[in-house]
């Protein structure tokens, strides 16, 4: 598992994320690679606050503010005043610092 956001970005050269990574990091990897649908498929199957936060981020990125607001509320977060890149970095760092590789939250 990467130990920093910069190391995470380097893995985007790979064809797939590691299956040993937490689901949240896999979802964010697909988003970083430009595969919104694959990222969304993983996030919507994560019944957790992190899953809701990733889901919110993805709908914000999509431009669906109404849906994003719903998911930010489910994640107990305010709609962010950040760029999409800043929020992606925050999400990746959160997962790196809070999720072990074998957990699916």
PDB file of N, CA and C in Angstrom:
ATOM      1  N   UNK A   1       0.853  -1.174   0.000  1.00  0.00           N
ATOM      2  CA  UNK A   1       0.000   0.000   0.000  1.00  0.00           C
ATOM      3  C   UNK A   1       0.901   1.241   0.000  1.00  0.00           C
ATOM      4  N   UNK A   2       0.551   2.248  -0.776  1.00  0.00           N
ATOM      5  CA  UNK A   2       1.374   3.458  -0.794  1.00  0.00           C
ATOM      6  C   UNK A   2       1.387   4.114   0.593  1.00  0.00           C
ATOM      7  N   UNK A   3       2.463   4.844   0.861  1.00  0.00           N
ATOM      8  CA  UNK A   3       2.566   5.511   2.159  1.00  0.00           C
ATOM      9  C   UNK A   3       2.362   7.018   2.058  1.00  0.00           C
ATOM     10  N   UNK A   4       2.143   7.517   0.842  1.00  0.00           N
ATOM     11  CA  UNK A   4       1.909   8.947   0.641  1.00  0.00           C
ATOM     12  C   UNK A   4       1.057   9.142  -0.617  1.00  0.00           C
ATOM     13  N   UNK A   5       0.527  10.347  -0.752  1.00  0.00           N
ATOM     14  CA  UNK A   5      -0.250  10.678  -1.944  1.00  0.00           C
ATOM     15  C   UNK A   5       0.631  10.603  -3.187  1.00  0.00           C
ATOM     16  N   UNK A   6       1.858  11.074  -3.069  1.00  0.00           N
ATOM     17  CA  UNK A   6       2.773  11.060  -4.208  1.00  0.00           C
ATOM     18  C   UNK A   6       3.052   9.625  -4.655  1.00  0.00           C
ATOM     19  N   UNK A   7       3.245   8.738  -3.697  1.00  0.00           N
ATOM     20  CA  UNK A   7       3.478   7.328  -4.032  1.00  0.00           C
ATOM     21  C   UNK A   7       2.219   6.717  -4.660  1.00  0.00           C
ATOM     22  N   UNK A   8       1.037   7.105  -4.143  1.00  0.00           N
ATOM     23  CA  UNK A   8      -0.227   6.654  -4.721  1.00  0.00           C
ATOM     24  C   UNK A   8      -0.301   7.057  -6.195  1.00  0.00           C
ATOM     25  N   UNK A   9       0.040   8.314  -6.501  1.00  0.00           N
ATOM     26  CA  UNK A   9      -0.021   8.779  -7.888  1.00  0.00           C
ATOM     27  C   UNK A   9       0.915   7.984  -8.794  1.00  0.00           C
ATOM     28  N   UNK A  10       2.063   7.579  -8.281  1.00  0.00           N
ATOM     29  CA  UNK A  10       2.999   6.781  -9.084  1.00  0.00           C
ATOM     30  C   UNK A  10       2.384   5.436  -9.471  1.00  0.00           C
ATOM     31  N   UNK A  11       1.504   4.895  -8.635  1.00  0.00           N
ATOM     32  CA  UNK A  11       0.883   3.603  -8.951  1.00  0.00           C
ATOM     33  C   UNK A  11      -0.110   3.719 -10.098  1.00  0.00           C
ATOM     34  N   UNK A  12      -0.484   4.931 -10.449  1.00  0.00           N
ATOM     35  CA  UNK A  12      -1.436   5.106 -11.548  1.00  0.00           C
ATOM     36  C   UNK A  12      -0.824   4.724 -12.893  1.00  0.00           C
ATOM     37  N   UNK A  13       0.462   4.414 -12.913  1.00  0.00           N
ATOM     38  CA  UNK A  13       1.106   3.903 -14.125  1.00  0.00           C
ATOM     39  C   UNK A  13       0.759   2.428 -14.329  1.00  0.00           C
ATOM     40  N   UNK A  14       0.303   1.766 -13.273  1.00  0.00           N
ATOM     41  CA  UNK A  14      -0.043   0.348 -13.340  1.00  0.00           C
ATOM     42  C   UNK A  14      -1.367   0.153 -14.072  1.00  0.00           C
ATOM     43  N   UNK A  15      -1.618  -1.058 -14.503  1.00  0.00           N
ATOM     44  CA  UNK A  15      -2.866  -1.375 -15.207  1.00  0.00           C
ATOM     45  C   UNK A  15      -4.051  -1.500 -14.250  1.00  0.00           C
ATOM     46  N   UNK A  16      -3.783  -1.874 -12.995  1.00  0.00           N
ATOM     47  CA  UNK A  16      -4.843  -2.079 -12.004  1.00  0.00           C
ATOM     48  C   UNK A  16      -4.319  -1.726 -10.625  1.00  0.00           C
ATOM     49  N   UNK A  17      -5.228  -1.360  -9.703  1.00  0.00           N
ATOM     50  CA  UNK A  17      -4.775  -1.158  -8.321  1.00  0.00           C
ATOM     51  C   UNK A  17      -4.515  -2.524  -7.676  1.00  0.00           C
ATOM     52  N   UNK A  18      -3.766  -2.518  -6.610  1.00  0.00           N
ATOM     53  CA  UNK A  18      -3.508  -3.763  -5.888  1.00  0.00           C
ATOM     54  C   UNK A  18      -4.796  -4.276  -5.244  1.00  0.00           C
ATOM     55  N   UNK A  19      -5.040  -5.568  -5.374  1.00  0.00           N
ATOM     56  CA  UNK A  19      -6.220  -6.170  -4.740  1.00  0.00           C
ATOM     57  C   UNK A  19      -6.074  -6.206  -3.225  1.00  0.00           C
ATOM     58  N   UNK A  20      -4.862  -5.995  -2.723  1.00  0.00           N
ATOM     59  CA  UNK A  20      -4.626  -5.973  -1.281  1.00  0.00           C
ATOM     60  C   UNK A  20      -4.989  -4.629  -0.655  1.00  0.00           C
ATOM     61  N   UNK A  21      -5.203  -3.633  -1.471  1.00  0.00           N
ATOM     62  CA  UNK A  21      -5.565  -2.312  -0.956  1.00  0.00           C
ATOM     63  C   UNK A  21      -6.990  -2.313  -0.429  1.00  0.00           C
ATOM     64  N   UNK A  22      -7.290  -1.406   0.508  1.00  0.00           N
ATOM     65  CA  UNK A  22      -8.681  -1.229   0.933  1.00  0.00           C
ATOM     66  C   UNK A  22      -9.537  -0.784  -0.258  1.00  0.00           C
ATOM     67  N   UNK A  23     -10.799  -1.143  -0.222  1.00  0.00           N
ATOM     68  CA  UNK A  23     -11.724  -0.789  -1.323  1.00  0.00           C
ATOM     69  C   UNK A  23     -11.731   0.714  -1.592  1.00  0.00           C
ATOM     70  N   UNK A  24     -11.660   1.513  -0.522  1.00  0.00           N
ATOM     71  CA  UNK A  24     -11.670   2.964  -0.713  1.00  0.00           C
ATOM     72  C   UNK A  24     -10.500   3.442  -1.549  1.00  0.00           C
ATOM     73  N   UNK A  25      -9.327   2.894  -1.316  1.00  0.00           N
ATOM     74  CA  UNK A  25      -8.151   3.296  -2.081  1.00  0.00           C
ATOM     75  C   UNK A  25      -8.255   2.790  -3.518  1.00  0.00           C
ATOM     76  N   UNK A  26      -8.833   1.617  -3.703  1.00  0.00           N
ATOM     77  CA  UNK A  26      -9.050   1.124  -5.061  1.00  0.00           C
ATOM     78  C   UNK A  26     -10.002   2.052  -5.814  1.00  0.00           C
ATOM     79  N   UNK A  27     -11.066   2.476  -5.159  1.00  0.00           N
ATOM     80  CA  UNK A  27     -12.026   3.391  -5.799  1.00  0.00           C
ATOM     81  C   UNK A  27     -11.342   4.691  -6.191  1.00  0.00           C
ATOM     82  N   UNK A  28     -10.528   5.225  -5.304  1.00  0.00           N
ATOM     83  CA  UNK A  28      -9.838   6.486  -5.587  1.00  0.00           C
ATOM     84  C   UNK A  28      -8.798   6.315  -6.690  1.00  0.00           C
ATOM     85  N   UNK A  29      -8.186   5.147  -6.765  1.00  0.00           N
ATOM     86  CA  UNK A  29      -7.223   4.864  -7.824  1.00  0.00           C
ATOM     87  C   UNK A  29      -7.919   4.912  -9.188  1.00  0.00           C
ATOM     88  N   UNK A  30      -9.080   4.263  -9.282  1.00  0.00           N
ATOM     89  CA  UNK A  30      -9.812   4.286 -10.557  1.00  0.00           C
ATOM     90  C   UNK A  30     -10.202   5.713 -10.932  1.00  0.00           C
ATOM     91  N   UNK A  31     -10.609   6.503  -9.936  1.00  0.00           N
ATOM     92  CA  UNK A  31     -10.939   7.892 -10.230  1.00  0.00           C
ATOM     93  C   UNK A  31      -9.704   8.636 -10.734  1.00  0.00           C
ATOM     94  N   UNK A  32      -8.575   8.448 -10.075  1.00  0.00           N
ATOM     95  CA  UNK A  32      -7.343   9.125 -10.486  1.00  0.00           C
ATOM     96  C   UNK A  32      -6.926   8.720 -11.900  1.00  0.00           C
ATOM     97  N   UNK A  33      -7.299   7.519 -12.309  1.00  0.00           N
ATOM     98  CA  UNK A  33      -7.002   7.039 -13.666  1.00  0.00           C
ATOM     99  C   UNK A  33      -8.035   7.516 -14.688  1.00  0.00           C
ATOM    100  N   UNK A  34      -9.085   8.210 -14.223  1.00  0.00           N
ATOM    101  CA  UNK A  34     -10.101   8.723 -15.126  1.00  0.00           C
ATOM    102  C   UNK A  34     -11.258   7.775 -15.371  1.00  0.00           C
ATOM    103  N   UNK A  35     -11.369   6.721 -14.548  1.00  0.00           N
ATOM    104  CA  UNK A  35     -12.457   5.754 -14.711  1.00  0.00           C
ATOM    105  C   UNK A  35     -13.500   5.995 -13.622  1.00  0.00           C
ATOM    106  N   UNK A  36     -14.329   7.018 -13.838  1.00  0.00           N
ATOM    107  CA  UNK A  36     -15.350   7.416 -12.869  1.00  0.00           C
ATOM    108  C   UNK A  36     -16.291   6.255 -12.584  1.00  0.00           C
ATOM    109  N   UNK A  37     -16.704   5.527 -13.608  1.00  0.00           N
ATOM    110  CA  UNK A  37     -17.684   4.450 -13.406  1.00  0.00           C
ATOM    111  C   UNK A  37     -17.153   3.339 -12.507  1.00  0.00           C
ATOM    112  N   UNK A  38     -15.920   2.915 -12.725  1.00  0.00           N
ATOM    113  CA  UNK A  38     -15.346   1.870 -11.874  1.00  0.00           C
ATOM    114  C   UNK A  38     -15.227   2.364 -10.437  1.00  0.00           C
ATOM    115  N   UNK A  39     -14.816   3.611 -10.274  1.00  0.00           N
ATOM    116  CA  UNK A  39     -14.707   4.202  -8.941  1.00  0.00           C
ATOM    117  C   UNK A  39     -16.079   4.242  -8.263  1.00  0.00           C
ATOM    118  N   UNK A  40     -17.073   4.681  -8.992  1.00  0.00           N
ATOM    119  CA  UNK A  40     -18.430   4.781  -8.460  1.00  0.00           C
ATOM    120  C   UNK A  40     -18.980   3.403  -8.094  1.00  0.00           C
ATOM    121  N   UNK A  41     -18.723   2.412  -8.921  1.00  0.00           N
ATOM    122  CA  UNK A  41     -19.201   1.052  -8.628  1.00  0.00           C
ATOM    123  C   UNK A  41     -18.674   0.562  -7.283  1.00  0.00           C
ATOM    124  N   UNK A  42     -17.408   0.842  -6.997  1.00  0.00           N
ATOM    125  CA  UNK A  42     -16.832   0.422  -5.721  1.00  0.00           C
ATOM    126  C   UNK A  42     -17.420   1.240  -4.576  1.00  0.00           C
ATOM    127  N   UNK A  43     -17.454   2.562  -4.738  1.00  0.00           N
ATOM    128  CA  UNK A  43     -17.931   3.436  -3.659  1.00  0.00           C
ATOM    129  C   UNK A  43     -19.375   3.141  -3.271  1.00  0.00           C
ATOM    130  N   UNK A  44     -20.216   2.877  -4.248  1.00  0.00           N
ATOM    131  CA  UNK A  44     -21.621   2.657  -3.910  1.00  0.00           C
ATOM    132  C   UNK A  44     -21.847   1.333  -3.194  1.00  0.00           C
ATOM    133  N   UNK A  45     -20.859   0.453  -3.215  1.00  0.00           N
ATOM    134  CA  UNK A  45     -20.945  -0.809  -2.477  1.00  0.00           C
ATOM    135  C   UNK A  45     -20.210  -0.750  -1.140  1.00  0.00           C
ATOM    136  N   UNK A  46     -19.848   0.450  -0.707  1.00  0.00           N
ATOM    137  CA  UNK A  46     -19.163   0.640   0.575  1.00  0.00           C
ATOM    138  C   UNK A  46     -20.132   1.296   1.567  1.00  0.00           C
ATOM    139  N   UNK A  47     -20.818   0.507   2.393  1.00  0.00           N
ATOM    140  CA  UNK A  47     -21.794   1.069   3.331  1.00  0.00           C
ATOM    141  C   UNK A  47     -21.107   1.635   4.577  1.00  0.00           C
ATOM    142  N   UNK A  48     -20.342   2.698   4.367  1.00  0.00           N
ATOM    143  CA  UNK A  48     -19.584   3.300   5.458  1.00  0.00           C
ATOM    144  C   UNK A  48     -19.519   4.808   5.244  1.00  0.00           C
ATOM    145  N   UNK A  49     -19.030   5.494   6.244  1.00  0.00           N
ATOM    146  CA  UNK A  49     -18.847   6.940   6.109  1.00  0.00           C
ATOM    147  C   UNK A  49     -17.839   7.241   5.003  1.00  0.00           C
ATOM    148  N   UNK A  50     -16.773   6.447   4.937  1.00  0.00           N
ATOM    149  CA  UNK A  50     -15.794   6.652   3.860  1.00  0.00           C
ATOM    150  C   UNK A  50     -16.431   6.428   2.498  1.00  0.00           C
ATOM    151  N   UNK A  51     -17.225   5.374   2.358  1.00  0.00           N
ATOM    152  CA  UNK A  51     -17.914   5.124   1.091  1.00  0.00           C
ATOM    153  C   UNK A  51     -18.809   6.293   0.704  1.00  0.00           C
ATOM    154  N   UNK A  52     -19.490   6.860   1.685  1.00  0.00           N
ATOM    155  CA  UNK A  52     -20.348   8.023   1.422  1.00  0.00           C
ATOM    156  C   UNK A  52     -19.521   9.233   1.013  1.00  0.00           C
ATOM    157  N   UNK A  53     -18.370   9.416   1.651  1.00  0.00           N
ATOM    158  CA  UNK A  53     -17.510  10.552   1.309  1.00  0.00           C
ATOM    159  C   UNK A  53     -16.974  10.403  -0.120  1.00  0.00           C
ATOM    160  N   UNK A  54     -16.516   9.221  -0.482  1.00  0.00           N
ATOM    161  CA  UNK A  54     -16.026   9.000  -1.857  1.00  0.00           C
ATOM    162  C   UNK A  54     -17.174   9.185  -2.841  1.00  0.00           C
ATOM    163  N   UNK A  55     -18.339   8.663  -2.502  1.00  0.00           N
ATOM    164  CA  UNK A  55     -19.524   8.799  -3.351  1.00  0.00           C
ATOM    165  C   UNK A  55     -19.851  10.279  -3.556  1.00  0.00           C
ATOM    166  N   UNK A  56     -19.786  11.062  -2.474  1.00  0.00           N
ATOM    167  CA  UNK A  56     -20.050  12.501  -2.560  1.00  0.00           C
ATOM    168  C   UNK A  56     -19.054  13.186  -3.483  1.00  0.00           C
ATOM    169  N   UNK A  57     -17.787  12.873  -3.279  1.00  0.00           N
ATOM    170  CA  UNK A  57     -16.723  13.442  -4.107  1.00  0.00           C
ATOM    171  C   UNK A  57     -16.970  13.144  -5.589  1.00  0.00           C
ATOM    172  N   UNK A  58     -17.333  11.903  -5.878  1.00  0.00           N
ATOM    173  CA  UNK A  58     -17.550  11.517  -7.280  1.00  0.00           C
ATOM    174  C   UNK A  58     -18.724  12.266  -7.903  1.00  0.00           C
ATOM    175  N   UNK A  59     -19.816  12.424  -7.147  1.00  0.00           N
ATOM    176  CA  UNK A  59     -20.957  13.156  -7.702  1.00  0.00           C
ATOM    177  C   UNK A  59     -20.649  14.646  -7.811  1.00  0.00           C
ATOM    178  N   UNK A  60     -19.841  15.170  -6.907  1.00  0.00           N
ATOM    179  CA  UNK A  60     -19.385  16.555  -7.042  1.00  0.00           C
ATOM    180  C   UNK A  60     -18.562  16.697  -8.312  1.00  0.00           C
ATOM    181  N   UNK A  61     -17.678  15.755  -8.545  1.00  0.00           N
ATOM    182  CA  UNK A  61     -16.837  15.786  -9.746  1.00  0.00           C
ATOM    183  C   UNK A  61     -17.695  15.702 -11.005  1.00  0.00           C
ATOM    184  N   UNK A  62     -18.749  14.924 -10.928  1.00  0.00           N
ATOM    185  CA  UNK A  62     -19.669  14.744 -12.049  1.00  0.00           C
ATOM    186  C   UNK A  62     -20.471  16.022 -12.324  1.00  0.00           C
ATOM    187  N   UNK A  63     -20.547  16.892 -11.315  1.00  0.00           N
ATOM    188  CA  UNK A  63     -21.328  18.118 -11.459  1.00  0.00           C
ATOM    189  C   UNK A  63     -22.733  18.008 -10.911  1.00  0.00           C
ATOM    190  N   UNK A  64     -23.049  16.921 -10.219  1.00  0.00           N
ATOM    191  CA  UNK A  64     -24.372  16.698  -9.636  1.00  0.00           C
ATOM    192  C   UNK A  64     -24.352  17.143  -8.175  1.00  0.00           C
ATOM    193  N   UNK A  65     -24.479  18.456  -7.961  1.00  0.00           N
ATOM    194  CA  UNK A  65     -24.367  19.021  -6.620  1.00  0.00           C
ATOM    195  C   UNK A  65     -25.463  18.516  -5.687  1.00  0.00           C
ATOM    196  N   UNK A  66     -26.672  18.332  -6.193  1.00  0.00           N
ATOM    197  CA  UNK A  66     -27.768  17.844  -5.354  1.00  0.00           C
ATOM    198  C   UNK A  66     -27.417  16.473  -4.774  1.00  0.00           C
ATOM    199  N   UNK A  67     -27.011  15.553  -5.634  1.00  0.00           N
ATOM    200  CA  UNK A  67     -26.644  14.204  -5.201  1.00  0.00           C
ATOM    201  C   UNK A  67     -25.403  14.246  -4.309  1.00  0.00           C
ATOM    202  N   UNK A  68     -24.432  15.073  -4.668  1.00  0.00           N
ATOM    203  CA  UNK A  68     -23.218  15.208  -3.855  1.00  0.00           C
ATOM    204  C   UNK A  68     -23.576  15.676  -2.448  1.00  0.00           C
ATOM    205  N   UNK A  69     -24.450  16.665  -2.342  1.00  0.00           N
ATOM    206  CA  UNK A  69     -24.856  17.165  -1.023  1.00  0.00           C
ATOM    207  C   UNK A  69     -25.453  16.051  -0.174  1.00  0.00           C
ATOM    208  N   UNK A  70     -26.277  15.219  -0.772  1.00  0.00           N
ATOM    209  CA  UNK A  70     -26.876  14.087  -0.056  1.00  0.00           C
ATOM    210  C   UNK A  70     -25.788  13.195   0.531  1.00  0.00           C
ATOM    211  N   UNK A  71     -24.806  12.853  -0.298  1.00  0.00           N
ATOM    212  CA  UNK A  71     -23.753  11.943   0.146  1.00  0.00           C
ATOM    213  C   UNK A  71     -22.797  12.602   1.144  1.00  0.00           C
ATOM    214  N   UNK A  72     -22.546  13.907   1.008  1.00  0.00           N
ATOM    215  CA  UNK A  72     -21.743  14.596   2.032  1.00  0.00           C
ATOM    216  C   UNK A  72     -22.467  14.555   3.378  1.00  0.00           C
ATOM    217  N   UNK A  73     -23.766  14.743   3.371  1.00  0.00           N
ATOM    218  CA  UNK A  73     -24.520  14.640   4.632  1.00  0.00           C
ATOM    219  C   UNK A  73     -24.396  13.238   5.209  1.00  0.00           C
ATOM    220  N   UNK A  74     -24.490  12.203   4.385  1.00  0.00           N
ATOM    221  CA  UNK A  74     -24.346  10.817   4.854  1.00  0.00           C
ATOM    222  C   UNK A  74     -22.949  10.563   5.421  1.00  0.00           C
ATOM    223  N   UNK A  75     -21.966  11.303   4.909  1.00  0.00           N
ATOM    224  CA  UNK A  75     -20.585  11.162   5.380  1.00  0.00           C
ATOM    225  C   UNK A  75     -20.284  12.090   6.564  1.00  0.00           C
ATOM    226  N   UNK A  76     -21.312  12.832   7.025  1.00  0.00           N
ATOM    227  CA  UNK A  76     -21.135  13.795   8.126  1.00  0.00           C
ATOM    228  C   UNK A  76     -20.097  14.861   7.782  1.00  0.00           C
ATOM    229  N   UNK A  77     -20.157  15.340   6.536  1.00  0.00           N
ATOM    230  CA  UNK A  77     -19.211  16.356   6.065  1.00  0.00           C
ATOM    231  C   UNK A  77     -19.969  17.492   5.387  1.00  0.00           C
ATOM    232  N   UNK A  78     -19.359  18.661   5.465  1.00  0.00           N
ATOM    233  CA  UNK A  78     -19.869  19.821   4.739  1.00  0.00           C
ATOM    234  C   UNK A  78     -19.420  19.741   3.282  1.00  0.00           C
ATOM    235  N   UNK A  79     -20.174  20.369   2.392  1.00  0.00           N
ATOM    236  CA  UNK A  79     -19.739  20.473   1.001  1.00  0.00           C
ATOM    237  C   UNK A  79     -18.417  21.240   1.011  1.00  0.00           C
ATOM    238  N   UNK A  80     -17.355  20.679   0.456  1.00  0.00           N
ATOM    239  CA  UNK A  80     -16.031  21.286   0.611  1.00  0.00           C
ATOM    240  C   UNK A  80     -15.805  22.526  -0.243  1.00  0.00           C
ATOM    241  N   UNK A  81     -14.934  23.365   0.258  1.00  0.00           N
ATOM    242  CA  UNK A  81     -14.481  24.539  -0.488  1.00  0.00           C
ATOM    243  C   UNK A  81     -13.046  24.272  -0.926  1.00  0.00           C
ATOM    244  N   UNK A  82     -12.880  23.185  -1.677  1.00  0.00           N
ATOM    245  CA  UNK A  82     -11.581  22.730  -2.157  1.00  0.00           C
ATOM    246  C   UNK A  82     -11.680  22.452  -3.647  1.00  0.00           C
ATOM    247  N   UNK A  83     -10.534  22.398  -4.299  1.00  0.00           N
ATOM    248  CA  UNK A  83     -10.542  21.924  -5.676  1.00  0.00           C
ATOM    249  C   UNK A  83     -10.757  20.415  -5.644  1.00  0.00           C
ATOM    250  N   UNK A  84     -11.091  19.848  -6.774  1.00  0.00           N
ATOM    251  CA  UNK A  84     -11.255  18.397  -6.849  1.00  0.00           C
ATOM    252  C   UNK A  84      -9.929  17.696  -6.548  1.00  0.00           C
ATOM    253  N   UNK A  85      -8.830  18.246  -7.036  1.00  0.00           N
ATOM    254  CA  UNK A  85      -7.517  17.658  -6.770  1.00  0.00           C
ATOM    255  C   UNK A  85      -7.184  17.671  -5.280  1.00  0.00           C
ATOM    256  N   UNK A  86      -7.518  18.772  -4.610  1.00  0.00           N
ATOM    257  CA  UNK A  86      -7.270  18.852  -3.165  1.00  0.00           C
ATOM    258  C   UNK A  86      -8.109  17.836  -2.402  1.00  0.00           C
ATOM    259  N   UNK A  87      -9.362  17.672  -2.821  1.00  0.00           N
ATOM    260  CA  UNK A  87     -10.206  16.704  -2.127  1.00  0.00           C
ATOM    261  C   UNK A  87      -9.728  15.273  -2.391  1.00  0.00           C
ATOM    262  N   UNK A  88      -9.308  14.983  -3.614  1.00  0.00           N
ATOM    263  CA  UNK A  88      -8.759  13.662  -3.905  1.00  0.00           C
ATOM    264  C   UNK A  88      -7.556  13.388  -3.002  1.00  0.00           C
ATOM    265  N   UNK A  89      -6.664  14.349  -2.874  1.00  0.00           N
ATOM    266  CA  UNK A  89      -5.497  14.181  -2.006  1.00  0.00           C
ATOM    267  C   UNK A  89      -5.931  13.932  -0.568  1.00  0.00           C
ATOM    268  N   UNK A  90      -6.894  14.690  -0.072  1.00  0.00           N
ATOM    269  CA  UNK A  90      -7.396  14.496   1.292  1.00  0.00           C
ATOM    270  C   UNK A  90      -7.966  13.093   1.477  1.00  0.00           C
ATOM    271  N   UNK A  91      -8.737  12.637   0.510  1.00  0.00           N
ATOM    272  CA  UNK A  91      -9.321  11.299   0.590  1.00  0.00           C
ATOM    273  C   UNK A  91      -8.247  10.217   0.597  1.00  0.00           C
ATOM    274  N   UNK A  92      -7.304  10.313  -0.322  1.00  0.00           N
ATOM    275  CA  UNK A  92      -6.230   9.311  -0.400  1.00  0.00           C
ATOM    276  C   UNK A  92      -5.442   9.296   0.902  1.00  0.00           C
ATOM    277  N   UNK A  93      -5.083  10.463   1.402  1.00  0.00           N
ATOM    278  CA  UNK A  93      -4.323  10.518   2.649  1.00  0.00           C
ATOM    279  C   UNK A  93      -5.129   9.973   3.817  1.00  0.00           C
ATOM    280  N   UNK A  94      -6.431  10.230   3.824  1.00  0.00           N
ATOM    281  CA  UNK A  94      -7.278   9.680   4.884  1.00  0.00           C
ATOM    282  C   UNK A  94      -7.236   8.147   4.849  1.00  0.00           C
ATOM    283  N   UNK A  95      -7.396   7.575   3.671  1.00  0.00           N
ATOM    284  CA  UNK A  95      -7.394   6.117   3.563  1.00  0.00           C
ATOM    285  C   UNK A  95      -6.026   5.558   3.958  1.00  0.00           C
ATOM    286  N   UNK A  96      -4.957   6.159   3.473  1.00  0.00           N
ATOM    287  CA  UNK A  96      -3.612   5.682   3.801  1.00  0.00           C
ATOM    288  C   UNK A  96      -3.386   5.696   5.307  1.00  0.00           C
ATOM    289  N   UNK A  97      -3.865   6.735   5.964  1.00  0.00           N
ATOM    290  CA  UNK A  97      -3.614   6.890   7.398  1.00  0.00           C
ATOM    291  C   UNK A  97      -4.595   6.159   8.293  1.00  0.00           C
ATOM    292  N   UNK A  98      -5.736   5.719   7.749  1.00  0.00           N
ATOM    293  CA  UNK A  98      -6.789   5.162   8.602  1.00  0.00           C
ATOM    294  C   UNK A  98      -7.295   3.789   8.232  1.00  0.00           C
ATOM    295  N   UNK A  99      -6.879   3.257   7.111  1.00  0.00           N
ATOM    296  CA  UNK A  99      -7.410   1.963   6.667  1.00  0.00           C
ATOM    297  C   UNK A  99      -6.288   0.956   6.508  1.00  0.00           C
ATOM    298  N   UNK A 100      -6.476  -0.212   7.062  1.00  0.00           N
ATOM    299  CA  UNK A 100      -5.512  -1.280   6.827  1.00  0.00           C
ATOM    300  C   UNK A 100      -5.849  -1.965   5.513  1.00  0.00           C
ATOM    301  N   UNK A 101      -4.906  -2.597   4.854  1.00  0.00           N
ATOM    302  CA  UNK A 101      -5.119  -3.169   3.524  1.00  0.00           C
ATOM    303  C   UNK A 101      -6.252  -4.193   3.435  1.00  0.00           C
ATOM    304  N   UNK A 102      -6.550  -4.906   4.480  1.00  0.00           N
ATOM    305  CA  UNK A 102      -7.544  -5.971   4.397  1.00  0.00           C
ATOM    306  C   UNK A 102      -8.936  -5.568   4.815  1.00  0.00           C
ATOM    307  N   UNK A 103      -9.127  -4.284   5.134  1.00  0.00           N
ATOM    308  CA  UNK A 103     -10.460  -3.824   5.513  1.00  0.00           C
ATOM    309  C   UNK A 103     -11.166  -3.270   4.295  1.00  0.00           C
ATOM    310  N   UNK A 104     -12.482  -3.408   4.240  1.00  0.00           N
ATOM    311  CA  UNK A 104     -13.238  -2.953   3.072  1.00  0.00           C
ATOM    312  C   UNK A 104     -13.994  -1.671   3.336  1.00  0.00           C
ATOM    313  N   UNK A 105     -13.771  -1.020   4.457  1.00  0.00           N
ATOM    314  CA  UNK A 105     -14.515   0.204   4.791  1.00  0.00           C
ATOM    315  C   UNK A 105     -13.994   1.384   4.030  1.00  0.00           C
TER     316      UNK A 105
END
